[in-house]
Protein backbone atom coordinates (compact mmCIF):
# COMPACT_ATOMS: atom_id res chain seq x y z
CA MET A 1 -0.15 -0.16 0.30
CA SER A 2 1.92 3.35 -0.66
CA ARG A 3 1.16 6.48 1.31
CA GLY A 4 -0.72 7.82 -0.59
CA ASN A 5 -4.04 5.37 0.01
CA TYR A 6 -3.24 5.70 4.42
CA LYS A 7 -5.79 8.01 6.21
CA ILE A 8 -4.96 9.84 9.33
CA VAL A 9 -7.95 10.07 11.67
CA CYS A 10 -8.73 12.74 13.44
CA PHE A 11 -11.15 13.41 15.99
CA SER A 12 -11.63 10.03 17.21
CA GLY A 13 -12.42 8.97 14.04
CA GLU A 14 -15.28 11.76 12.67
CA ASN A 15 -13.56 13.37 9.97
CA ILE A 16 -10.83 11.86 7.66
CA ILE A 17 -7.75 13.34 6.31
CA GLU A 18 -6.11 11.89 2.77
CA PHE A 19 -2.47 11.98 3.83
CA GLU A 20 -1.60 13.29 0.29
CA THR A 21 -4.19 16.96 1.59
CA LEU A 22 -2.09 16.67 5.20
CA ARG A 23 1.36 16.94 2.99
CA ASP A 24 -0.85 19.88 0.77
CA PHE A 25 -1.20 21.58 3.80
CA LEU A 26 2.40 21.19 5.46
CA SER A 27 3.97 22.20 2.24
CA ALA A 28 2.04 25.25 1.20
CA ASN A 29 2.07 26.27 5.05
CA ILE A 30 5.69 26.01 5.64
CA LYS A 31 6.32 27.68 2.39
CA ALA A 32 4.13 30.85 2.69
CA ARG A 33 5.53 31.62 6.46
CA ARG A 34 9.02 30.92 5.05
CA GLU A 35 8.26 33.77 2.21
CA ALA A 36 6.47 35.60 4.63
CA LEU A 37 9.14 35.82 6.79
CA ASN A 38 11.08 36.42 3.78
CA LEU A 39 13.91 34.22 4.33
CA SER A 40 15.05 31.88 1.60
CA GLN A 41 15.46 27.88 2.01
CA GLU A 42 18.81 27.63 2.80
CA ARG A 43 18.36 30.20 5.26
CA LEU A 44 15.30 28.41 6.70
CA ALA A 45 17.70 25.24 6.89
CA GLU A 46 19.86 27.34 8.76
CA ILE A 47 18.16 28.33 11.36
CA ALA A 48 15.71 24.93 11.87
CA ASP A 49 18.86 22.78 12.18
CA VAL A 50 18.45 20.64 8.68
CA SER A 51 19.22 20.16 5.37
CA VAL A 52 18.48 22.29 2.43
CA GLN A 53 17.12 19.34 0.42
CA MET A 54 15.30 18.38 3.34
CA ILE A 55 13.33 21.90 3.25
CA LYS A 56 13.41 21.42 -0.70
CA GLY A 57 11.89 18.02 -0.26
CA ILE A 58 9.17 18.68 2.01
CA GLU A 59 8.10 22.12 0.05
CA GLY A 60 7.69 19.73 -3.19
CA ARG A 61 5.66 17.53 -1.32
CA ARG A 62 8.44 14.82 -2.03
CA THR A 63 8.92 14.24 1.84
CA TRP A 64 7.32 14.00 4.65
CA VAL A 65 8.51 15.10 8.43
CA SER A 66 9.23 13.13 11.47
CA ASP A 67 7.45 14.84 15.33
CA THR A 68 11.25 16.20 15.71
CA MET A 69 11.03 17.75 12.35
CA LEU A 70 8.00 19.36 12.09
CA ALA A 71 8.67 20.53 15.60
CA LYS A 72 12.35 22.10 14.32
CA LEU A 73 10.42 23.80 11.10
CA ALA A 74 7.71 25.28 13.49
CA ARG A 75 10.68 27.00 16.45
CA ALA A 76 12.17 28.67 13.16
CA LEU A 77 8.87 29.62 11.49
CA GLY A 78 7.45 30.88 14.68
CA VAL A 79 4.20 29.25 14.86
CA ALA A 80 2.77 26.00 17.12
CA SER A 81 3.73 22.33 15.20
CA PHE A 82 -0.46 22.19 14.58
CA GLN A 83 -0.39 25.66 12.42
CA LEU A 84 1.65 23.76 9.62
CA LEU A 85 -1.13 20.81 9.50
CA VAL A 86 -3.59 23.04 9.23
CA PRO A 87 -5.10 25.37 5.52
CA VAL A 88 -4.03 28.48 5.01
CA HIS A 89 -6.94 31.10 5.68
CA GLU A 90 -8.48 31.81 2.81
CA GLU A 91 -11.66 33.33 2.08
CA GLY A 92 -14.49 30.71 3.38
CA ILE A 93 -12.02 27.58 4.09
CA LEU A 94 -11.96 27.25 7.57
CA GLU A 95 -15.96 27.24 7.36
CA GLU A 96 -16.06 25.22 5.04
CA ASN A 97 -13.74 22.08 6.29
CA PRO A 98 -15.04 20.55 9.67
CA LEU A 99 -12.27 19.69 10.58
CA VAL A 100 -10.59 22.87 10.38
CA SER A 101 -14.19 24.66 11.93
CA GLY A 102 -13.66 22.09 14.92
CA LEU A 103 -10.19 22.25 15.53
CA LEU A 104 -10.81 26.26 16.13
CA ARG A 105 -13.99 25.32 18.28
CA ASN A 106 -12.14 23.55 20.13
CA LEU A 107 -8.68 25.59 20.76
CA LYS A 108 -11.15 28.81 21.02
CA GLN A 109 -13.03 27.30 24.04
CA ASN A 110 -9.87 25.88 25.61
CA ILE A 111 -7.97 29.33 25.55
CA GLN A 112 -11.09 31.52 26.63
CA ASP A 113 -11.20 28.58 29.74
CA ASP A 114 -7.65 29.40 30.57
CA ILE A 115 -8.17 33.23 30.23
CA ASN A 116 -11.44 32.74 32.90
CA SER A 117 -8.93 30.75 35.48
CA GLN A 118 -6.70 33.12 35.48
CA PHE A 119 -8.90 35.95 35.97
CA ASP A 120 -10.68 33.88 39.09
CA ARG A 121 -7.37 32.81 40.56
CA LEU A 122 -6.25 37.33 40.09
CA LEU A 123 -10.00 38.16 41.34
CA SER A 124 -9.89 35.77 44.14
CA PRO A 125 -10.81 37.05 47.95
CA GLY A 126 -7.24 36.58 49.81
CA LYS A 127 -5.25 36.68 47.00
CA THR A 128 -2.04 37.90 47.77
CA ASP A 129 0.95 38.84 45.23
């Protein structure tokens, strides 16, 4: 079975995303972020401590990444690792993609819960600095 036939299951099997689609997201996101930061492939490779061939392979959709490589690239590009694996925001794409809209909903809720928790601790009686 070739890699293109694998499926990556997210949300406990509720949504399925094709491996090739995930590879497309990764490639496009790395290239878009690199260009937004005005970095050459060579400079990104240097910052991430990987080979230029690796960057070219990923952007060219010929190479997949390990979790360690994904973390290095995300750190070098100044983003969270998951941001390299979701579609870049284009008009309507987030609302139309159930996987991405579910991730965003969960992320927003987690952030809101964390902020509320922080405020509750700060505003609770007896709080000392």
